[in-house]
Amino acid sequence: MEVSSVKKLEQLEFSLDSVTDLSSSSASSSSPAVATFSCVDGVTELRFLQSDSIHCFNFDLASAQLFKLGPVHFICVSDSSGSSEEKSFSQGVNIKFKNDKDSKDFCESFQEWRKDAVVQGSSLQNGTVSANKSKFDNKIEASSAKMYFHYYGQLLHQQNMLQDYVRTGTYYAAVMENRSDFAGRVVVDVGAGSGILSMFAAQAGAKHVYAVEASEMAEYARKLIAGNPLFAERITVIKGKVEDIELPEKADILISEPMGTLLVNERMLESYVIARDRFMSPKGKMFPTVGRIHMAPFSDEFLFIEMANKAMFWQQQNYYGVDLTPLYGSAHQGYFSQPVVDAFDPRLLVASPMFHMIDFTQMKEEDFYEIDIPLKFTASMCTRVHGLACWFDVLFDGSTVQRWLTTAPGAPTTHWYQIRCVLSQPIYVMAGQEITGRLHLIAHSAQSYTIDLTLSAKMWGPGASQGGILQSSTCRFDLKEPYYRMSQPQAYPVAQELPLQPQPELNTQDIQTPNEELEEELLQQPPQNPSAQL
């Protein structure tokens, strides 16, 4: 960068053999001229001035182009003049240099100056593209980003989130109960989607709301906001990523819904804290303010058998003459690498949960790249532990009311459900036995995380104080590829409930279909004389 800046300073002015206006019908002037580069108030310009004339040709380098007609002969064109706002037509000049060296030096400087001009001057409605290269593009692969923004650019998926009344209702209550935080304040809605949170902020009396949305949903948000005139004048929709855009003023309040499964999936929390660092005033507030990941070991024999049975297909030794068993191990491992997303009965938990706190007001972007959580539980019963159950909640720390949004099992179900990491090798525990382990999350470029889970049962009974691990099980999961089970919580009997009266076992072989009854009836009939029947 230092070399580039020095070169620019040294190459501010170039001598030309001649400059001619392309739109002029007069004869070409042969008088010498000077070309100069300059940057005033953020606008980078190229000017051509003839030595025997006061007339000057000005070009905004953000829209200027240079075409080579010969070794020393060039044409410079632009969509409009950088100095004359009344000129909306395209302009151009014919320029000639005295020698090849001058033309080559001019071309190199032109490319450098224009490159900076394009980055600094590319305009968006109510915002400009930042001069810095996007952090988002550097860490997220293009194919993942394309699918991500395509997904959230569709109304049916926005409808799914809007119809999550726990989610939408909690956000509405958190904003309306804390009107003092929004009234007369500047608000930035990070990842605005349909713009619903922006309109909540406007209802609470926000002075102005900047709704930042990178997907095609931005156009729908503009349409929806325009259809609500009470809010439209105070909401500006900006299509772009928070890593790229610039805003004309600092925000007093940041509001967003950046949570994914396990809180951190989709890696939007990183964009949330980037928006905090770029747009929020030092004493600003964030809605939500903090998040917590809750974890507890669980026992679910039904789920474990279901997962294991999925791979049984690959144990066939004669599938149309093909032995599938060489792939059984890989298939078994693949099914158990999928975290299960569903709603489960909280009575499946075998220990009191613990949580890991994430403070959005203090967390740095880099802190989300790797999250390491040590685990420690005390088993409440004798059972088989099949894995770790996880859910999250977030706090809206308003000045008037503190409100939590939870996705806990047993609470009203949200579109996030809960998530469970099922171990391929369960561990056995006794009541009072200590369960330790580690939940290690590593972010990857597909906007998700790789999860390494270890659960261990420590020594129990006499000699437990000496420590030692009796059993341990480890499994790796890809949070990007979950198994969406989406079943409602199953009714597991409570231990205090009276057992049901024993019923006689029903053997499916004893059930007779109408066809079977008819067959028996025909068999019991005496045989008829074929000749008489004929």
Protein backbone atom coordinates (compact mmCIF):
# COMPACT_ATOMS: atom_id res chain seq x y z
CA MET A 1 0.00 0.00 0.00
CA GLU A 2 2.84 2.41 0.79
CA VAL A 3 4.45 1.79 -2.59
CA SER A 4 1.13 2.38 -4.34
CA SER A 5 0.57 5.67 -2.48
CA VAL A 6 4.05 6.93 -3.29
CA LYS A 7 3.58 6.07 -6.96
CA LYS A 8 0.31 7.99 -7.07
CA LEU A 9 1.89 11.07 -5.55
CA GLU A 10 4.68 10.98 -8.11
CA GLN A 11 2.29 10.45 -11.02
CA LEU A 12 -0.25 13.22 -10.47
CA GLU A 13 0.50 15.01 -13.77
CA PHE A 14 1.32 13.91 -17.33
CA SER A 15 2.31 15.88 -20.42
CA LEU A 16 0.31 15.17 -23.59
CA ASP A 17 0.92 15.98 -27.21
CA SER A 18 -2.74 16.94 -27.77
CA VAL A 19 -6.33 16.59 -26.48
CA THR A 20 -9.44 16.81 -28.70
CA ASP A 21 -13.12 16.68 -27.78
CA LEU A 22 -14.72 13.73 -29.64
CA SER A 23 -18.08 15.51 -29.88
CA SER A 24 -16.55 18.60 -31.52
CA SER A 25 -16.79 18.97 -35.29
CA SER A 26 -13.91 21.46 -35.39
CA ALA A 27 -10.43 20.53 -36.50
CA SER A 28 -8.21 18.84 -34.01
CA SER A 29 -6.03 21.07 -31.93
CA SER A 30 -2.33 20.33 -32.01
CA SER A 31 -1.46 22.35 -28.91
CA PRO A 32 0.11 20.47 -25.98
CA ALA A 33 -1.98 19.55 -22.93
CA VAL A 34 -1.68 18.29 -19.38
CA ALA A 35 -3.53 15.39 -17.67
CA THR A 36 -3.88 15.42 -13.88
CA PHE A 37 -5.31 12.98 -11.32
CA SER A 38 -6.91 14.28 -8.12
CA CYS A 39 -9.21 13.20 -5.30
CA VAL A 40 -11.46 15.83 -3.72
CA ASP A 41 -14.16 15.00 -1.13
CA GLY A 42 -13.97 11.32 -1.97
CA VAL A 43 -14.43 11.89 -5.74
CA THR A 44 -11.48 10.78 -7.88
CA GLU A 45 -11.12 12.79 -11.09
CA LEU A 46 -9.01 12.89 -14.25
CA ARG A 47 -8.66 16.31 -15.89
CA PHE A 48 -7.33 17.29 -19.30
CA LEU A 49 -6.31 20.94 -19.78
CA GLN A 50 -5.03 22.43 -23.06
CA SER A 51 -2.14 24.86 -22.64
CA ASP A 52 -3.63 27.47 -25.00
CA SER A 53 -7.20 27.23 -23.65
CA ILE A 54 -9.05 27.65 -20.36
CA HIS A 55 -11.40 24.78 -21.25
CA CYS A 56 -10.99 21.65 -19.10
CA PHE A 57 -12.28 18.12 -19.66
CA ASN A 58 -13.25 16.43 -16.37
CA PHE A 59 -13.85 12.68 -15.93
CA ASP A 60 -15.10 10.85 -12.86
CA LEU A 61 -12.75 7.84 -12.73
CA ALA A 62 -15.48 5.63 -11.27
CA SER A 63 -17.18 5.64 -14.69
CA ALA A 64 -14.25 6.46 -17.00
CA GLN A 65 -12.77 4.02 -19.52
CA LEU A 66 -9.56 4.17 -21.55
CA PHE A 67 -9.24 2.63 -25.04
CA LYS A 68 -5.95 2.20 -26.88
CA LEU A 69 -6.00 3.00 -30.59
CA GLY A 70 -2.23 2.96 -31.11
CA PRO A 71 1.09 3.14 -29.27
CA VAL A 72 0.56 6.80 -28.33
CA HIS A 73 -3.09 7.28 -29.34
CA PHE A 74 -5.95 6.74 -26.84
CA ILE A 75 -9.62 7.59 -26.30
CA CYS A 76 -11.00 8.33 -22.84
CA VAL A 77 -14.78 8.16 -22.39
CA SER A 78 -17.17 8.56 -19.47
CA ASP A 79 -20.90 8.31 -18.81
CA SER A 80 -21.05 11.83 -17.38
CA SER A 81 -18.83 14.71 -16.36
CA GLY A 82 -17.53 14.73 -12.84
CA SER A 83 -17.76 18.52 -12.49
CA SER A 84 -20.89 19.46 -14.45
CA GLU A 85 -24.00 17.93 -12.95
CA GLU A 86 -26.17 19.23 -15.76
CA LYS A 87 -24.33 17.06 -18.29
CA SER A 88 -26.01 13.66 -18.45
CA PHE A 89 -24.69 12.60 -21.86
CA SER A 90 -21.60 10.52 -22.48
CA GLN A 91 -18.40 12.47 -23.21
CA GLY A 92 -15.02 11.52 -24.60
CA VAL A 93 -11.69 12.92 -25.70
CA ASN A 94 -8.98 11.97 -28.16
CA ILE A 95 -5.55 12.02 -26.46
CA LYS A 96 -2.05 11.61 -27.90
CA PHE A 97 1.26 11.24 -26.11
CA LYS A 98 4.70 12.30 -27.20
CA ASN A 99 6.29 8.86 -26.79
CA ASP A 100 5.62 5.28 -25.69
CA LYS A 101 7.03 5.74 -22.20
CA ASP A 102 4.61 8.57 -21.37
CA SER A 103 1.63 6.59 -22.62
CA LYS A 104 2.66 3.47 -20.66
CA ASP A 105 3.14 5.42 -17.40
CA PHE A 106 -0.20 7.14 -17.88
CA CYS A 107 -2.01 3.82 -18.42
CA GLU A 108 -0.55 2.30 -15.24
CA SER A 109 -1.57 5.30 -13.14
CA PHE A 110 -5.00 5.37 -14.76
CA GLN A 111 -5.63 1.75 -13.71
CA GLU A 112 -4.49 2.35 -10.12
CA TRP A 113 -6.54 5.51 -9.66
CA ARG A 114 -9.61 4.00 -11.30
CA LYS A 115 -9.42 0.85 -9.17
CA ASP A 116 -9.63 2.91 -5.97
CA ALA A 117 -12.33 5.13 -7.46
CA VAL A 118 -14.56 2.15 -8.31
CA VAL A 119 -14.23 0.69 -4.81
CA GLN A 120 -14.89 3.99 -3.02
CA GLY A 121 -17.57 5.33 -5.30
CA SER A 122 -19.85 2.39 -6.06
CA SER A 123 -23.15 3.70 -4.74
CA LEU A 124 -26.04 1.89 -3.15
CA GLN A 125 -29.34 3.46 -2.19
CA ASN A 126 -28.68 5.21 1.15
CA GLY A 127 -25.27 3.57 1.49
CA THR A 128 -21.95 3.00 -0.26
CA VAL A 129 -19.73 -0.01 -0.67
CA SER A 130 -16.85 -0.09 1.77
CA ALA A 131 -13.32 0.27 0.47
CA ASN A 132 -12.27 -2.81 2.47
CA LYS A 133 -12.57 -6.25 0.98
CA SER A 134 -15.55 -8.11 2.40
CA LYS A 135 -14.73 -10.34 5.36
CA PHE A 136 -17.78 -12.40 4.48
CA ASP A 137 -16.46 -13.28 1.02
CA ASN A 138 -13.05 -14.14 2.43
CA LYS A 139 -14.32 -16.75 4.90
CA ILE A 140 -17.47 -18.15 3.23
CA GLU A 141 -17.36 -20.20 0.04
CA ALA A 142 -19.37 -18.70 -2.82
CA SER A 143 -21.61 -21.74 -3.38
CA SER A 144 -22.73 -21.79 0.26
CA ALA A 145 -23.44 -18.06 0.26
CA LYS A 146 -25.45 -18.36 -2.96
CA MET A 147 -27.67 -21.10 -1.54
CA TYR A 148 -27.99 -19.26 1.78
CA PHE A 149 -29.20 -15.99 0.26
CA HIS A 150 -31.40 -17.85 -2.21
CA TYR A 151 -33.11 -19.65 0.67
CA TYR A 152 -33.80 -16.49 2.65
CA GLY A 153 -34.82 -14.63 -0.49
CA GLN A 154 -38.01 -16.71 -0.79
CA LEU A 155 -41.29 -15.65 0.80
CA LEU A 156 -42.28 -19.17 1.86
CA HIS A 157 -39.27 -19.41 4.18
CA GLN A 158 -39.91 -15.94 5.58
CA GLN A 159 -43.50 -17.01 6.19
CA ASN A 160 -42.26 -20.04 8.13
CA MET A 161 -40.33 -17.74 10.46
CA LEU A 162 -43.13 -15.16 10.73
CA GLN A 163 -45.56 -17.92 11.68
CA ASP A 164 -43.28 -18.98 14.52
CA TYR A 165 -45.38 -17.03 17.00
CA VAL A 166 -42.98 -17.70 19.89
CA ARG A 167 -40.18 -16.06 17.90
CA THR A 168 -42.15 -13.20 16.38
CA GLY A 169 -44.25 -12.53 19.49
CA THR A 170 -41.22 -12.43 21.77
CA TYR A 171 -39.44 -9.94 19.50
CA TYR A 172 -42.57 -7.77 19.37
CA ALA A 173 -42.96 -7.83 23.15
CA ALA A 174 -39.25 -7.11 23.74
CA VAL A 175 -39.44 -4.01 21.50
CA MET A 176 -42.80 -2.68 22.68
CA GLU A 177 -42.04 -3.20 26.35
CA ASN A 178 -38.85 -1.17 25.91
CA ARG A 179 -40.15 1.77 23.89
CA SER A 180 -37.80 4.09 25.75
CA ASP A 181 -34.84 2.34 24.10
CA PHE A 182 -36.27 2.93 20.60
CA ALA A 183 -38.17 6.22 20.77
CA GLY A 184 -36.28 8.91 18.83
CA ARG A 185 -33.32 6.58 18.21
CA VAL A 186 -31.51 5.39 15.08
CA VAL A 187 -31.90 1.64 14.59
CA VAL A 188 -30.07 -0.82 12.33
CA ASP A 189 -31.84 -4.09 11.51
CA VAL A 190 -29.10 -6.62 10.66
CA GLY A 191 -30.35 -9.21 8.16
CA ALA A 192 -33.77 -7.60 7.98
CA GLY A 193 -35.48 -10.29 5.89
CA SER A 194 -39.09 -9.26 5.38
CA GLY A 195 -38.50 -6.10 7.43
CA ILE A 196 -40.80 -7.14 10.27
CA LEU A 197 -38.34 -6.18 13.02
CA SER A 198 -37.73 -2.82 11.34
CA MET A 199 -41.46 -2.13 11.46
CA PHE A 200 -41.59 -3.16 15.12
CA ALA A 201 -38.85 -0.60 15.82
CA ALA A 202 -40.75 2.06 13.86
CA GLN A 203 -43.91 1.27 15.84
CA ALA A 204 -41.92 1.81 19.02
CA GLY A 205 -41.07 5.33 17.84
CA ALA A 206 -37.64 4.92 16.21
CA LYS A 207 -36.35 8.08 14.55
CA HIS A 208 -35.02 6.12 11.58
CA VAL A 209 -34.40 2.43 10.81
CA TYR A 210 -31.82 1.12 8.35
CA ALA A 211 -32.94 -2.34 7.25
CA VAL A 212 -29.88 -4.15 5.85
CA GLU A 213 -30.64 -7.29 3.82
CA ALA A 214 -28.27 -9.03 1.37
CA SER A 215 -30.75 -11.41 -0.31
CA GLU A 216 -33.47 -10.71 -2.87
CA MET A 217 -35.85 -10.43 0.07
CA ALA A 218 -34.75 -6.77 0.23
CA GLU A 219 -37.08 -6.02 -2.69
CA TYR A 220 -40.00 -7.70 -0.92
CA ALA A 221 -39.16 -5.74 2.24
CA ARG A 222 -39.28 -2.47 0.30
CA LYS A 223 -42.67 -3.43 -1.11
CA LEU A 224 -44.05 -4.45 2.29
CA ILE A 225 -42.76 -1.30 4.01
CA ALA A 226 -44.10 0.92 1.22
CA GLY A 227 -47.51 -0.65 1.82
CA ASN A 228 -47.39 0.55 5.43
CA PRO A 229 -47.22 4.37 5.06
CA LEU A 230 -47.00 4.97 8.80
CA PHE A 231 -43.53 3.39 8.80
CA ALA A 232 -42.28 3.88 5.24
CA GLU A 233 -40.83 7.37 5.74
CA ARG A 234 -38.72 6.22 8.69
CA ILE A 235 -37.35 2.97 7.23
CA THR A 236 -34.63 2.72 4.61
CA VAL A 237 -33.95 -0.69 3.07
CA ILE A 238 -30.34 -1.23 1.98
CA LYS A 239 -29.52 -4.26 -0.11
CA GLY A 240 -26.05 -5.49 0.81
CA LYS A 241 -23.97 -7.23 3.47
CA VAL A 242 -23.14 -5.45 6.71
CA GLU A 243 -19.50 -6.23 5.94
CA ASP A 244 -19.72 -4.13 2.74
CA ILE A 245 -22.14 -1.23 3.15
CA GLU A 246 -21.64 2.15 4.79
CA LEU A 247 -24.29 4.09 6.73
CA PRO A 248 -24.62 7.88 7.02
CA GLU A 249 -24.92 7.82 10.82
CA LYS A 250 -24.23 5.68 13.88
CA ALA A 251 -26.93 3.49 15.38
CA ASP A 252 -28.29 3.70 18.92
CA ILE A 253 -29.92 0.26 18.67
CA LEU A 254 -28.96 -2.90 16.77
CA ILE A 255 -31.77 -5.42 16.30
CA SER A 256 -31.41 -8.75 14.54
CA GLU A 257 -32.49 -12.37 14.47
CA PRO A 258 -29.09 -14.02 13.85
CA MET A 259 -29.70 -17.32 15.65
CA GLY A 260 -29.46 -20.71 13.98
CA THR A 261 -29.73 -24.23 15.36
CA LEU A 262 -27.38 -24.61 18.32
CA LEU A 263 -27.43 -20.78 18.30
CA VAL A 264 -24.32 -20.47 16.11
CA ASN A 265 -25.33 -22.33 12.93
CA GLU A 266 -25.25 -20.26 9.69
CA ARG A 267 -22.55 -18.04 11.27
CA MET A 268 -24.72 -14.92 11.17
CA LEU A 269 -23.70 -14.04 14.72
CA GLU A 270 -20.37 -13.00 13.26
CA SER A 271 -22.11 -10.50 10.99
CA TYR A 272 -24.09 -9.29 14.01
CA VAL A 273 -20.94 -8.37 15.96
CA ILE A 274 -19.32 -6.91 12.83
CA ALA A 275 -22.34 -4.61 12.51
CA ARG A 276 -21.86 -3.72 16.18
CA ASP A 277 -18.25 -2.68 15.61
CA ARG A 278 -19.02 -0.77 12.39
CA PHE A 279 -22.34 0.92 13.04
CA MET A 280 -23.24 1.05 16.74
CA SER A 281 -22.45 4.04 18.94
CA PRO A 282 -20.35 3.32 22.06
CA LYS A 283 -23.37 3.42 24.38
CA GLY A 284 -25.73 1.61 22.02
CA LYS A 285 -27.86 -1.43 22.81
CA MET A 286 -28.18 -4.80 21.11
CA PHE A 287 -31.43 -6.77 20.80
CA PRO A 288 -30.71 -9.62 21.58
CA THR A 289 -27.95 -8.87 24.08
CA VAL A 290 -26.64 -12.27 25.18
CA GLY A 291 -27.20 -15.91 24.23
CA ARG A 292 -26.81 -19.19 26.08
CA ILE A 293 -26.21 -22.70 24.74
CA HIS A 294 -27.75 -25.26 27.12
CA MET A 295 -26.56 -28.88 27.21
CA ALA A 296 -27.52 -32.08 29.05
CA PRO A 297 -26.96 -35.82 28.47
CA PHE A 298 -30.03 -37.79 27.42
CA SER A 299 -31.25 -41.36 27.10
CA ASP A 300 -33.51 -42.29 24.18
CA GLU A 301 -33.46 -45.95 23.15
CA PHE A 302 -36.07 -45.37 20.44
CA LEU A 303 -33.97 -42.71 18.72
CA PHE A 304 -30.78 -44.76 18.98
CA ILE A 305 -32.42 -47.81 17.38
CA GLU A 306 -33.92 -45.61 14.67
CA MET A 307 -30.50 -44.19 13.81
CA ALA A 308 -28.82 -47.59 13.85
CA ASN A 309 -31.53 -49.20 11.69
CA LYS A 310 -30.99 -46.66 8.93
CA ALA A 311 -27.71 -48.31 8.02
CA MET A 312 -29.15 -51.84 8.02
CA PHE A 313 -29.87 -51.48 4.32
CA TRP A 314 -26.12 -51.79 3.71
CA GLN A 315 -25.91 -55.17 5.46
CA GLN A 316 -27.55 -56.95 2.54
CA GLN A 317 -25.22 -59.52 1.04
CA ASN A 318 -27.32 -60.21 -2.04
CA TYR A 319 -28.89 -57.00 -3.30
CA TYR A 320 -29.67 -57.90 -6.91
CA GLY A 321 -26.58 -60.04 -6.78
CA VAL A 322 -24.41 -57.34 -5.16
CA ASP A 323 -22.86 -57.49 -1.68
CA LEU A 324 -23.47 -54.10 -0.01
CA THR A 325 -21.72 -54.87 3.26
CA PRO A 326 -18.39 -53.18 2.38
CA LEU A 327 -20.18 -49.82 2.77
CA TYR A 328 -22.02 -50.63 5.99
CA GLY A 329 -19.38 -49.09 8.27
CA SER A 330 -19.27 -45.85 6.30
CA ALA A 331 -23.07 -45.63 6.16
CA HIS A 332 -23.36 -46.26 9.92
CA GLN A 333 -20.80 -43.55 10.62
CA GLY A 334 -22.54 -41.17 8.20
CA TYR A 335 -25.95 -41.47 9.89
CA PHE A 336 -24.45 -40.92 13.34
CA SER A 337 -22.61 -37.81 12.08
CA GLN A 338 -25.96 -36.06 11.61
CA PRO A 339 -27.23 -34.02 14.56
CA VAL A 340 -30.92 -34.73 15.12
CA VAL A 341 -33.25 -31.71 14.97
CA ASP A 342 -36.62 -32.34 16.62
CA ALA A 343 -38.68 -31.62 19.72
CA PHE A 344 -38.08 -34.11 22.52
CA ASP A 345 -39.57 -34.82 25.92
CA PRO A 346 -37.49 -33.16 28.70
CA ARG A 347 -37.93 -36.32 30.80
CA LEU A 348 -35.32 -37.92 28.53
CA LEU A 349 -32.61 -35.85 30.19
CA VAL A 350 -30.54 -37.81 32.69
CA ALA A 351 -28.80 -34.88 34.41
CA SER A 352 -29.38 -31.23 35.19
CA PRO A 353 -28.36 -29.04 32.23
CA MET A 354 -25.45 -26.63 32.10
CA PHE A 355 -25.00 -23.63 29.79
CA HIS A 356 -22.32 -21.68 27.92
CA MET A 357 -22.79 -17.90 27.81
CA ILE A 358 -22.11 -15.76 24.71
CA ASP A 359 -22.19 -12.00 25.27
CA PHE A 360 -22.91 -10.32 21.93
CA THR A 361 -21.79 -6.94 23.27
CA GLN A 362 -18.29 -8.24 24.08
CA MET A 363 -17.69 -11.19 21.74
CA LYS A 364 -15.22 -10.64 18.90
CA GLU A 365 -15.76 -12.01 15.42
CA GLU A 366 -12.74 -14.31 15.76
CA ASP A 367 -14.14 -15.77 18.99
CA PHE A 368 -16.82 -17.55 16.93
CA TYR A 369 -14.26 -19.41 14.82
CA GLU A 370 -13.69 -21.98 17.58
CA ILE A 371 -15.86 -22.62 20.64
CA ASP A 372 -14.62 -25.07 23.27
CA ILE A 373 -17.03 -26.04 26.07
CA PRO A 374 -15.95 -28.39 28.92
CA LEU A 375 -18.81 -30.61 30.11
CA LYS A 376 -19.58 -31.83 33.63
CA PHE A 377 -22.82 -33.45 34.82
CA THR A 378 -24.07 -35.70 37.61
CA ALA A 379 -26.32 -38.56 36.48
CA SER A 380 -29.72 -38.62 38.18
CA MET A 381 -30.55 -42.24 37.30
CA CYS A 382 -29.10 -45.56 36.21
CA THR A 383 -29.37 -45.70 32.43
CA ARG A 384 -27.62 -45.71 29.07
CA VAL A 385 -26.55 -42.25 27.89
CA HIS A 386 -27.10 -41.96 24.15
CA GLY A 387 -25.69 -38.48 23.59
CA LEU A 388 -25.93 -34.77 24.33
CA ALA A 389 -29.08 -32.66 23.95
CA CYS A 390 -28.69 -28.94 23.21
CA TRP A 391 -30.92 -25.88 22.95
CA PHE A 392 -30.47 -22.14 23.36
CA ASP A 393 -32.06 -18.97 24.62
CA VAL A 394 -31.35 -15.26 24.10
CA LEU A 395 -31.92 -12.25 26.34
CA PHE A 396 -33.30 -8.86 25.28
CA ASP A 397 -31.78 -6.66 27.97
CA GLY A 398 -34.09 -3.65 27.70
CA SER A 399 -34.02 -0.64 29.98
CA THR A 400 -37.58 -1.34 31.13
CA VAL A 401 -38.10 -5.11 30.76
CA GLN A 402 -35.73 -8.05 30.37
CA ARG A 403 -37.26 -10.73 28.18
CA TRP A 404 -35.95 -14.19 27.25
CA LEU A 405 -36.64 -16.13 24.05
CA THR A 406 -36.13 -19.83 24.77
CA THR A 407 -36.08 -22.98 22.63
CA ALA A 408 -35.96 -25.35 25.62
CA PRO A 409 -37.62 -28.78 25.57
CA GLY A 410 -41.00 -28.62 27.25
CA ALA A 411 -41.44 -24.95 26.29
CA PRO A 412 -43.63 -23.99 23.30
CA THR A 413 -41.95 -25.38 20.19
CA THR A 414 -40.17 -22.96 17.83
CA HIS A 415 -38.93 -23.41 14.27
CA TRP A 416 -35.47 -24.03 15.78
CA TYR A 417 -36.72 -27.09 17.73
CA GLN A 418 -33.89 -28.67 19.76
CA ILE A 419 -30.79 -30.52 18.62
CA ARG A 420 -29.32 -33.82 19.81
CA CYS A 421 -25.92 -35.34 19.08
CA VAL A 422 -26.34 -39.14 19.21
CA LEU A 423 -23.29 -41.24 20.09
CA SER A 424 -22.71 -44.37 18.02
CA GLN A 425 -21.45 -46.05 21.22
CA PRO A 426 -23.63 -45.19 24.26
CA ILE A 427 -22.16 -45.19 27.78
CA TYR A 428 -23.65 -46.69 30.95
CA VAL A 429 -24.03 -44.57 34.10
CA MET A 430 -25.28 -45.07 37.65
CA ALA A 431 -27.26 -42.55 39.70
CA GLY A 432 -24.83 -40.05 41.20
CA GLN A 433 -22.06 -40.90 38.77
CA GLU A 434 -20.14 -38.00 37.26
CA ILE A 435 -20.24 -37.49 33.47
CA THR A 436 -17.51 -35.37 31.95
CA GLY A 437 -16.59 -34.45 28.40
CA ARG A 438 -16.05 -31.76 25.83
CA LEU A 439 -18.11 -30.04 23.15
CA HIS A 440 -15.76 -28.56 20.56
CA LEU A 441 -17.13 -26.48 17.67
CA ILE A 442 -14.95 -25.43 14.72
CA ALA A 443 -16.39 -23.07 12.09
CA HIS A 444 -16.05 -23.99 8.41
CA SER A 445 -16.56 -22.13 5.14
CA ALA A 446 -19.99 -23.67 4.49
CA GLN A 447 -21.47 -21.30 7.09
CA SER A 448 -21.66 -23.91 9.80
CA TYR A 449 -19.60 -25.93 12.29
CA THR A 450 -17.91 -29.27 12.76
CA ILE A 451 -18.76 -30.65 16.22
CA ASP A 452 -16.52 -32.98 18.19
CA LEU A 453 -18.29 -34.47 21.20
CA THR A 454 -16.76 -36.60 23.94
CA LEU A 455 -18.71 -38.00 26.90
CA SER A 456 -17.08 -40.06 29.63
CA ALA A 457 -18.35 -41.82 32.75
CA LYS A 458 -16.01 -41.38 35.69
CA MET A 459 -15.32 -44.02 38.31
CA TRP A 460 -18.24 -44.49 40.68
CA GLY A 461 -18.57 -45.81 44.21
CA PRO A 462 -15.64 -46.64 46.53
CA GLY A 463 -12.41 -45.18 45.22
CA ALA A 464 -14.20 -42.61 43.03
CA SER A 465 -12.20 -39.83 44.68
CA GLN A 466 -9.10 -41.21 42.98
CA GLY A 467 -10.61 -40.33 39.60
CA GLY A 468 -10.33 -42.40 36.48
CA ILE A 469 -12.52 -42.95 33.44
CA LEU A 470 -14.57 -46.14 33.15
CA GLN A 471 -16.11 -45.53 29.73
CA SER A 472 -15.69 -42.92 27.03
CA SER A 473 -17.38 -42.30 23.67
CA THR A 474 -16.49 -39.81 20.95
CA CYS A 475 -18.29 -38.78 17.80
CA ARG A 476 -17.96 -36.08 15.13
CA PHE A 477 -20.96 -34.24 13.66
CA ASP A 478 -21.53 -31.81 10.81
CA LEU A 479 -24.00 -29.12 11.90
CA LYS A 480 -24.53 -28.24 8.23
CA GLU A 481 -26.12 -31.66 7.53
CA PRO A 482 -28.66 -32.39 10.29
CA TYR A 483 -31.35 -35.04 10.35
CA TYR A 484 -34.66 -33.13 10.55
CA ARG A 485 -36.77 -35.57 12.52
CA MET A 486 -39.41 -32.96 13.38
CA SER A 487 -41.57 -35.37 15.35
CA GLN A 488 -43.61 -34.16 18.27
CA PRO A 489 -42.41 -35.19 21.74
CA GLN A 490 -43.29 -38.80 22.44
CA ALA A 491 -45.33 -39.59 25.56
CA TYR A 492 -42.92 -41.36 27.87
CA PRO A 493 -44.57 -42.70 31.06
CA VAL A 494 -43.62 -41.01 34.31
CA ALA A 495 -42.10 -43.30 36.92
CA GLN A 496 -44.81 -42.41 39.49
CA GLU A 497 -47.65 -43.36 37.16
CA LEU A 498 -49.41 -46.67 37.74
CA PRO A 499 -48.52 -49.27 35.12
CA LEU A 500 -51.16 -50.12 32.60
CA GLN A 501 -53.12 -53.34 33.05
CA PRO A 502 -51.41 -56.19 31.19
CA GLN A 503 -53.11 -57.00 27.93
CA PRO A 504 -52.99 -60.33 26.13
CA GLU A 505 -50.32 -60.31 23.46
CA LEU A 506 -51.63 -59.92 19.99
CA ASN A 507 -50.06 -62.17 17.41
CA THR A 508 -50.39 -60.82 13.92
CA GLN A 509 -50.47 -64.37 12.63
CA ASP A 510 -53.78 -64.92 14.48
CA ILE A 511 -55.49 -62.06 12.66
CA GLN A 512 -57.51 -63.33 9.74
CA THR A 513 -58.29 -61.21 6.77
CA PRO A 514 -61.64 -61.57 4.94
CA ASN A 515 -59.86 -63.43 2.12
CA GLU A 516 -58.40 -65.95 4.56
CA GLU A 517 -61.81 -66.55 6.19
CA LEU A 518 -63.33 -67.15 2.78
CA GLU A 519 -60.54 -69.58 1.91
CA GLU A 520 -61.12 -71.62 5.10
CA GLU A 521 -64.85 -71.71 4.44
CA LEU A 522 -64.27 -73.07 0.94
CA LEU A 523 -61.85 -75.69 2.20
CA GLN A 524 -64.36 -76.94 4.77
CA GLN A 525 -67.05 -77.44 2.13
CA PRO A 526 -67.42 -81.04 0.76
CA PRO A 527 -65.88 -81.52 -2.68
CA GLN A 528 -68.33 -81.29 -5.50
CA ASN A 529 -68.64 -83.61 -8.49
CA PRO A 530 -66.88 -81.87 -11.36
CA SER A 531 -69.01 -83.57 -13.95
CA ALA A 532 -72.26 -82.59 -12.20
CA GLN A 533 -71.06 -78.99 -11.95
CA LEU A 534 -70.19 -79.02 -15.62
